[in-house]
Amino acid sequence: DIPQVAPHWFLGNKSFGGESMKDTYLNHYNALQGHRFGLFWEGNRPTIFLKDLDLIKKVQVGDFEHFADNAFTRLDYRLKVGNVFGVADMLAEEGWKKMKRSVTPPFSVPRLKKS
């Protein structure tokens, strides 16, 4: 069993305008107290909700190849509607990998310690 907050049948764990997305995520974070991760339902689509900093680092750095599609919207939506969130939303799969390779070196730990 993966920890989760019971979702609304249509909205999932999202709010329908009653609270900001920041508050929605903060409330979800607090509701998963005592767990390193859980499920967050975006409508009827489950997504992983990571809370533990070490687990986040492992996914974003060590397991990056398995989590390369980091766009804000699903690919089918982007193809039908277009790019509504800017450059970061276009970067899925290979585009995201290429961007990460170019941005990561300036922010490496040794380089940050020098400054």
Protein backbone atom coordinates (compact mmCIF):
# COMPACT_ATOMS: atom_id res chain seq x y z
CA ASP A 1 0.00 0.00 0.00
CA ILE A 2 1.36 3.39 -1.05
CA PRO A 3 0.36 6.19 1.35
CA GLN A 4 -2.14 8.65 -0.10
CA VAL A 5 -4.87 11.11 0.74
CA ALA A 6 -8.27 9.91 -0.43
CA PRO A 7 -8.84 11.67 -3.78
CA HIS A 8 -11.98 13.39 -5.05
CA TRP A 9 -13.59 11.24 -7.76
CA PHE A 10 -13.01 13.88 -10.45
CA LEU A 11 -10.39 16.36 -9.18
CA GLY A 12 -8.12 13.92 -7.41
CA ASN A 13 -6.16 15.80 -4.73
CA LYS A 14 -6.37 19.14 -6.54
CA SER A 15 -8.52 22.00 -5.35
CA PHE A 16 -11.25 23.50 -7.48
CA GLY A 17 -10.28 27.11 -6.86
CA GLY A 18 -10.84 26.96 -3.12
CA GLU A 19 -7.13 27.22 -2.30
CA SER A 20 -3.88 28.01 -4.07
CA MET A 21 -1.73 25.21 -5.53
CA LYS A 22 0.91 26.05 -2.92
CA ASP A 23 -1.63 25.43 -0.16
CA THR A 24 -2.87 22.27 -1.87
CA TYR A 25 0.66 20.84 -1.98
CA LEU A 26 1.45 22.01 1.56
CA ASN A 27 -1.72 20.40 2.93
CA HIS A 28 -0.92 17.20 1.04
CA TYR A 29 2.64 17.26 2.41
CA ASN A 30 1.33 17.62 5.96
CA ALA A 31 -1.29 14.90 5.48
CA LEU A 32 1.45 12.42 4.53
CA GLN A 33 3.19 12.98 7.88
CA GLY A 34 5.54 10.14 8.78
CA HIS A 35 5.95 8.91 5.18
CA ARG A 36 8.88 9.51 2.82
CA PHE A 37 6.60 9.59 -0.23
CA GLY A 38 3.02 9.07 -1.28
CA LEU A 39 0.60 9.44 -4.15
CA PHE A 40 -0.85 12.72 -5.36
CA TRP A 41 -3.80 12.32 -7.69
CA GLU A 42 -4.00 14.75 -10.62
CA GLY A 43 -7.55 14.01 -11.61
CA ASN A 44 -7.59 10.25 -12.22
CA ARG A 45 -3.81 10.07 -12.80
CA PRO A 46 -1.59 9.06 -9.85
CA THR A 47 1.74 10.87 -9.49
CA ILE A 48 4.55 10.28 -7.03
CA PHE A 49 4.82 12.87 -4.24
CA LEU A 50 8.30 12.84 -2.71
CA LYS A 51 8.87 14.28 0.76
CA ASP A 52 12.23 12.94 1.89
CA LEU A 53 15.18 15.12 0.78
CA ASP A 54 17.52 12.14 0.31
CA LEU A 55 14.91 10.39 -1.83
CA ILE A 56 14.41 13.56 -3.91
CA LYS A 57 18.18 13.80 -4.48
CA LYS A 58 18.33 10.14 -5.48
CA VAL A 59 15.58 10.59 -8.06
CA GLN A 60 16.79 13.94 -9.43
CA VAL A 61 20.47 13.02 -9.59
CA GLY A 62 21.09 9.28 -9.33
CA ASP A 63 17.98 7.96 -11.08
CA PHE A 64 17.61 10.89 -13.46
CA GLU A 65 17.56 8.70 -16.59
CA HIS A 66 14.36 7.01 -15.36
CA PHE A 67 12.59 10.30 -14.56
CA ALA A 68 13.47 12.39 -17.62
CA ASP A 69 9.98 13.61 -18.56
CA ASN A 70 9.67 16.43 -16.04
CA ALA A 71 7.25 18.64 -17.95
CA PHE A 72 4.39 20.32 -16.10
CA THR A 73 1.79 18.90 -18.44
CA ARG A 74 1.32 15.56 -20.15
CA LEU A 75 2.70 15.09 -23.67
CA ASP A 76 -0.74 14.48 -25.22
CA TYR A 77 -1.96 17.78 -23.72
CA ARG A 78 1.10 19.68 -25.01
CA LEU A 79 0.58 18.27 -28.50
CA LYS A 80 -3.11 19.29 -28.59
CA VAL A 81 -2.96 22.66 -26.79
CA GLY A 82 0.62 23.77 -27.28
CA ASN A 83 3.28 25.04 -24.92
CA VAL A 84 1.46 27.04 -22.25
CA PHE A 85 4.11 27.02 -19.49
CA GLY A 86 7.15 28.22 -21.41
CA VAL A 87 10.53 26.63 -22.08
CA ALA A 88 10.61 24.33 -19.04
CA ASP A 89 7.41 22.67 -20.18
CA MET A 90 8.82 21.92 -23.63
CA LEU A 91 11.78 20.11 -22.14
CA ALA A 92 10.75 16.50 -22.00
CA GLU A 93 12.89 13.43 -22.52
CA GLU A 94 15.96 14.33 -24.65
CA GLY A 95 15.47 18.10 -24.41
CA TRP A 96 15.38 17.92 -20.62
CA LYS A 97 18.48 15.68 -20.48
CA LYS A 98 20.41 18.08 -22.72
CA MET A 99 19.38 21.10 -20.61
CA LYS A 100 20.34 19.33 -17.36
CA ARG A 101 23.80 18.47 -18.72
CA SER A 102 24.44 22.11 -19.65
CA VAL A 103 23.07 23.63 -16.43
CA THR A 104 24.45 21.17 -13.86
CA PRO A 105 28.25 21.86 -14.08
CA PRO A 106 28.07 25.51 -12.92
CA PHE A 107 26.11 24.40 -9.85
CA SER A 108 28.30 21.45 -8.86
CA VAL A 109 29.28 21.19 -5.17
CA PRO A 110 33.01 21.87 -5.73
CA ARG A 111 32.27 24.92 -7.85
CA LEU A 112 29.74 26.29 -5.34
CA LYS A 113 32.22 25.79 -2.47
CA LYS A 114 34.78 27.91 -4.34
CA SER A 115 32.47 30.93 -4.44
